[in-house]
Amino acid sequence: MGPLTSPLFADPSGISAGVVRGLGRDARPASFSAAARAVAHYDFDQWRGVRCPVLATRGDTDVFTSLSDLDRLDATIPDVRTVTIPRCGHFANVEQPEHVQQLLKDLWSL
């Protein structure tokens, strides 16, 4: 699973084997295919109804979440904070947990 999950992280060698095994358990082909089919009919406008503070993050090497995704959320959700986290891939909460925790604390203190 290591080579398959490496695009998810800025530094794959720094990710524990337990995290990689967990991703392997979660990466079920049938579920992934169903989610990919469902997103084709996803109503993004429902996000306009979100009325609580939101933190949306992406890593600076994130292969799945683009800057334009964060821009779209920023234009859609009234109270969103978007952040690109340096030295991270898609899972900033795994690679930079203290940074994400501080961002959440900052959001909740507003």
C-alpha atoms as a PDB file:
ATOM      1  CA  MET A   1       0.000   0.000   0.000  1.00  0.00           C
ATOM      2  CA  GLY A   2       2.927   2.366   0.529  1.00  0.00           C
ATOM      3  CA  PRO A   3       3.445   3.223  -3.156  1.00  0.00           C
ATOM      4  CA  LEU A   4      -0.311   3.572  -3.685  1.00  0.00           C
ATOM      5  CA  THR A   5      -0.733   5.994  -0.793  1.00  0.00           C
ATOM      6  CA  SER A   6       2.436   8.011  -1.431  1.00  0.00           C
ATOM      7  CA  PRO A   7       0.634  10.684  -3.517  1.00  0.00           C
ATOM      8  CA  LEU A   8      -1.438  11.473  -0.432  1.00  0.00           C
ATOM      9  CA  PHE A   9       1.529  12.718   1.597  1.00  0.00           C
ATOM     10  CA  ALA A  10       4.282  15.286   1.096  1.00  0.00           C
ATOM     11  CA  ASP A  11       6.767  12.960   2.845  1.00  0.00           C
ATOM     12  CA  PRO A  12       5.484   9.375   2.557  1.00  0.00           C
ATOM     13  CA  SER A  13       8.525   7.991   4.390  1.00  0.00           C
ATOM     14  CA  GLY A  14       7.436   9.891   7.512  1.00  0.00           C
ATOM     15  CA  ILE A  15       4.018   8.197   7.669  1.00  0.00           C
ATOM     16  CA  SER A  16       3.674   5.274  10.043  1.00  0.00           C
ATOM     17  CA  ALA A  17       2.895   1.805   8.751  1.00  0.00           C
ATOM     18  CA  GLY A  18      -0.267   1.829  10.875  1.00  0.00           C
ATOM     19  CA  VAL A  19      -1.638   4.834   8.989  1.00  0.00           C
ATOM     20  CA  VAL A  20      -0.867   3.175   5.652  1.00  0.00           C
ATOM     21  CA  ARG A  21      -2.540  -0.080   6.790  1.00  0.00           C
ATOM     22  CA  GLY A  22      -5.589   1.917   7.912  1.00  0.00           C
ATOM     23  CA  LEU A  23      -5.850   3.592   4.521  1.00  0.00           C
ATOM     24  CA  GLY A  24      -5.613   0.166   2.927  1.00  0.00           C
ATOM     25  CA  ARG A  25      -8.550  -1.056   4.991  1.00  0.00           C
ATOM     26  CA  ASP A  26     -10.562   2.026   4.018  1.00  0.00           C
ATOM     27  CA  ALA A  27      -9.732   1.878   0.306  1.00  0.00           C
ATOM     28  CA  ARG A  28     -12.361  -0.622  -0.726  1.00  0.00           C
ATOM     29  CA  PRO A  29     -12.749  -0.604  -4.520  1.00  0.00           C
ATOM     30  CA  ALA A  30     -16.541  -1.031  -4.487  1.00  0.00           C
ATOM     31  CA  SER A  31     -17.027   1.850  -2.034  1.00  0.00           C
ATOM     32  CA  PHE A  32     -14.603   4.086  -3.900  1.00  0.00           C
ATOM     33  CA  SER A  33     -16.375   3.371  -7.208  1.00  0.00           C
ATOM     34  CA  ALA A  34     -19.784   4.076  -5.660  1.00  0.00           C
ATOM     35  CA  ALA A  35     -18.537   7.399  -4.289  1.00  0.00           C
ATOM     36  CA  ALA A  36     -17.080   8.362  -7.672  1.00  0.00           C
ATOM     37  CA  ARG A  37     -20.431   7.622  -9.359  1.00  0.00           C
ATOM     38  CA  ALA A  38     -22.365   9.538  -6.683  1.00  0.00           C
ATOM     39  CA  VAL A  39     -20.250  12.678  -7.037  1.00  0.00           C
ATOM     40  CA  ALA A  40     -21.403  13.027 -10.643  1.00  0.00           C
ATOM     41  CA  HIS A  41     -24.842  13.950  -9.284  1.00  0.00           C
ATOM     42  CA  TYR A  42     -23.686  15.879  -6.227  1.00  0.00           C
ATOM     43  CA  ASP A  43     -25.504  19.153  -5.539  1.00  0.00           C
ATOM     44  CA  PHE A  44     -22.707  21.494  -4.487  1.00  0.00           C
ATOM     45  CA  ASP A  45     -25.211  24.305  -3.844  1.00  0.00           C
ATOM     46  CA  GLN A  46     -26.390  22.557  -0.669  1.00  0.00           C
ATOM     47  CA  TRP A  47     -23.208  23.893   0.945  1.00  0.00           C
ATOM     48  CA  ARG A  48     -24.786  27.358   0.832  1.00  0.00           C
ATOM     49  CA  GLY A  49     -26.941  26.245   3.768  1.00  0.00           C
ATOM     50  CA  VAL A  50     -23.966  25.717   6.116  1.00  0.00           C
ATOM     51  CA  ARG A  51     -24.224  28.298   8.907  1.00  0.00           C
ATOM     52  CA  CYS A  52     -21.414  27.315  11.266  1.00  0.00           C
ATOM     53  CA  PRO A  53     -17.711  28.176  11.056  1.00  0.00           C
ATOM     54  CA  VAL A  54     -15.852  25.852   8.670  1.00  0.00           C
ATOM     55  CA  LEU A  55     -12.151  25.117   8.303  1.00  0.00           C
ATOM     56  CA  ALA A  56     -11.192  23.847   4.843  1.00  0.00           C
ATOM     57  CA  THR A  57      -7.589  22.775   4.354  1.00  0.00           C
ATOM     58  CA  ARG A  58      -5.373  21.402   1.659  1.00  0.00           C
ATOM     59  CA  GLY A  59      -1.710  20.551   1.623  1.00  0.00           C
ATOM     60  CA  ASP A  60       0.633  22.436  -0.658  1.00  0.00           C
ATOM     61  CA  THR A  61       1.346  19.152  -2.480  1.00  0.00           C
ATOM     62  CA  ASP A  62      -2.257  17.919  -2.322  1.00  0.00           C
ATOM     63  CA  VAL A  63      -3.119  15.968  -5.478  1.00  0.00           C
ATOM     64  CA  PHE A  64      -6.855  15.828  -4.752  1.00  0.00           C
ATOM     65  CA  THR A  65      -7.828  19.267  -3.413  1.00  0.00           C
ATOM     66  CA  SER A  66      -6.951  22.227  -5.597  1.00  0.00           C
ATOM     67  CA  LEU A  67      -6.754  25.898  -4.735  1.00  0.00           C
ATOM     68  CA  SER A  68      -9.854  26.395  -6.881  1.00  0.00           C
ATOM     69  CA  ASP A  69     -11.734  23.933  -4.629  1.00  0.00           C
ATOM     70  CA  LEU A  70     -10.983  26.156  -1.642  1.00  0.00           C
ATOM     71  CA  ASP A  71     -11.923  29.245  -3.650  1.00  0.00           C
ATOM     72  CA  ARG A  72     -15.255  27.636  -4.494  1.00  0.00           C
ATOM     73  CA  LEU A  73     -15.940  26.858  -0.838  1.00  0.00           C
ATOM     74  CA  ASP A  74     -14.965  30.411   0.091  1.00  0.00           C
ATOM     75  CA  ALA A  75     -17.507  31.752  -2.387  1.00  0.00           C
ATOM     76  CA  THR A  76     -20.202  29.341  -1.182  1.00  0.00           C
ATOM     77  CA  ILE A  77     -20.018  29.058   2.619  1.00  0.00           C
ATOM     78  CA  PRO A  78     -20.556  32.308   4.547  1.00  0.00           C
ATOM     79  CA  ASP A  79     -18.168  31.547   7.442  1.00  0.00           C
ATOM     80  CA  VAL A  80     -15.307  29.533   5.976  1.00  0.00           C
ATOM     81  CA  ARG A  81     -11.599  29.793   6.598  1.00  0.00           C
ATOM     82  CA  THR A  82      -9.462  28.229   3.864  1.00  0.00           C
ATOM     83  CA  VAL A  83      -5.834  27.340   4.465  1.00  0.00           C
ATOM     84  CA  THR A  84      -3.091  25.707   2.419  1.00  0.00           C
ATOM     85  CA  ILE A  85      -0.752  23.930   4.812  1.00  0.00           C
ATOM     86  CA  PRO A  86       2.932  23.755   3.833  1.00  0.00           C
ATOM     87  CA  ARG A  87       4.784  20.455   3.644  1.00  0.00           C
ATOM     88  CA  CYS A  88       1.554  18.435   3.396  1.00  0.00           C
ATOM     89  CA  GLY A  89      -0.278  16.280   0.936  1.00  0.00           C
ATOM     90  CA  HIS A  90      -3.973  15.449   1.156  1.00  0.00           C
ATOM     91  CA  PHE A  91      -3.977  14.409   4.817  1.00  0.00           C
ATOM     92  CA  ALA A  92      -2.709  17.443   6.706  1.00  0.00           C
ATOM     93  CA  ASN A  93      -4.308  16.116   9.890  1.00  0.00           C
ATOM     94  CA  VAL A  94      -1.863  13.174   9.721  1.00  0.00           C
ATOM     95  CA  GLU A  95       1.220  15.058   8.541  1.00  0.00           C
ATOM     96  CA  GLN A  96       0.785  18.266  10.543  1.00  0.00           C
ATOM     97  CA  PRO A  97      -1.659  17.409  13.371  1.00  0.00           C
ATOM     98  CA  GLU A  98      -0.461  20.198  15.677  1.00  0.00           C
ATOM     99  CA  HIS A  99      -0.889  22.774  12.915  1.00  0.00           C
ATOM    100  CA  VAL A 100      -4.426  21.556  12.149  1.00  0.00           C
ATOM    101  CA  GLN A 101      -5.264  21.508  15.854  1.00  0.00           C
ATOM    102  CA  GLN A 102      -4.114  25.118  16.225  1.00  0.00           C
ATOM    103  CA  LEU A 103      -6.171  26.162  13.188  1.00  0.00           C
ATOM    104  CA  LEU A 104      -9.234  24.546  14.773  1.00  0.00           C
ATOM    105  CA  LYS A 105      -8.574  26.246  18.111  1.00  0.00           C
ATOM    106  CA  ASP A 106      -8.243  29.575  16.323  1.00  0.00           C
ATOM    107  CA  LEU A 107     -11.506  28.957  14.460  1.00  0.00           C
ATOM    108  CA  TRP A 108     -13.388  28.030  17.629  1.00  0.00           C
ATOM    109  CA  SER A 109     -12.084  31.079  19.507  1.00  0.00           C
ATOM    110  CA  LEU A 110     -13.659  33.554  17.064  1.00  0.00           C
END
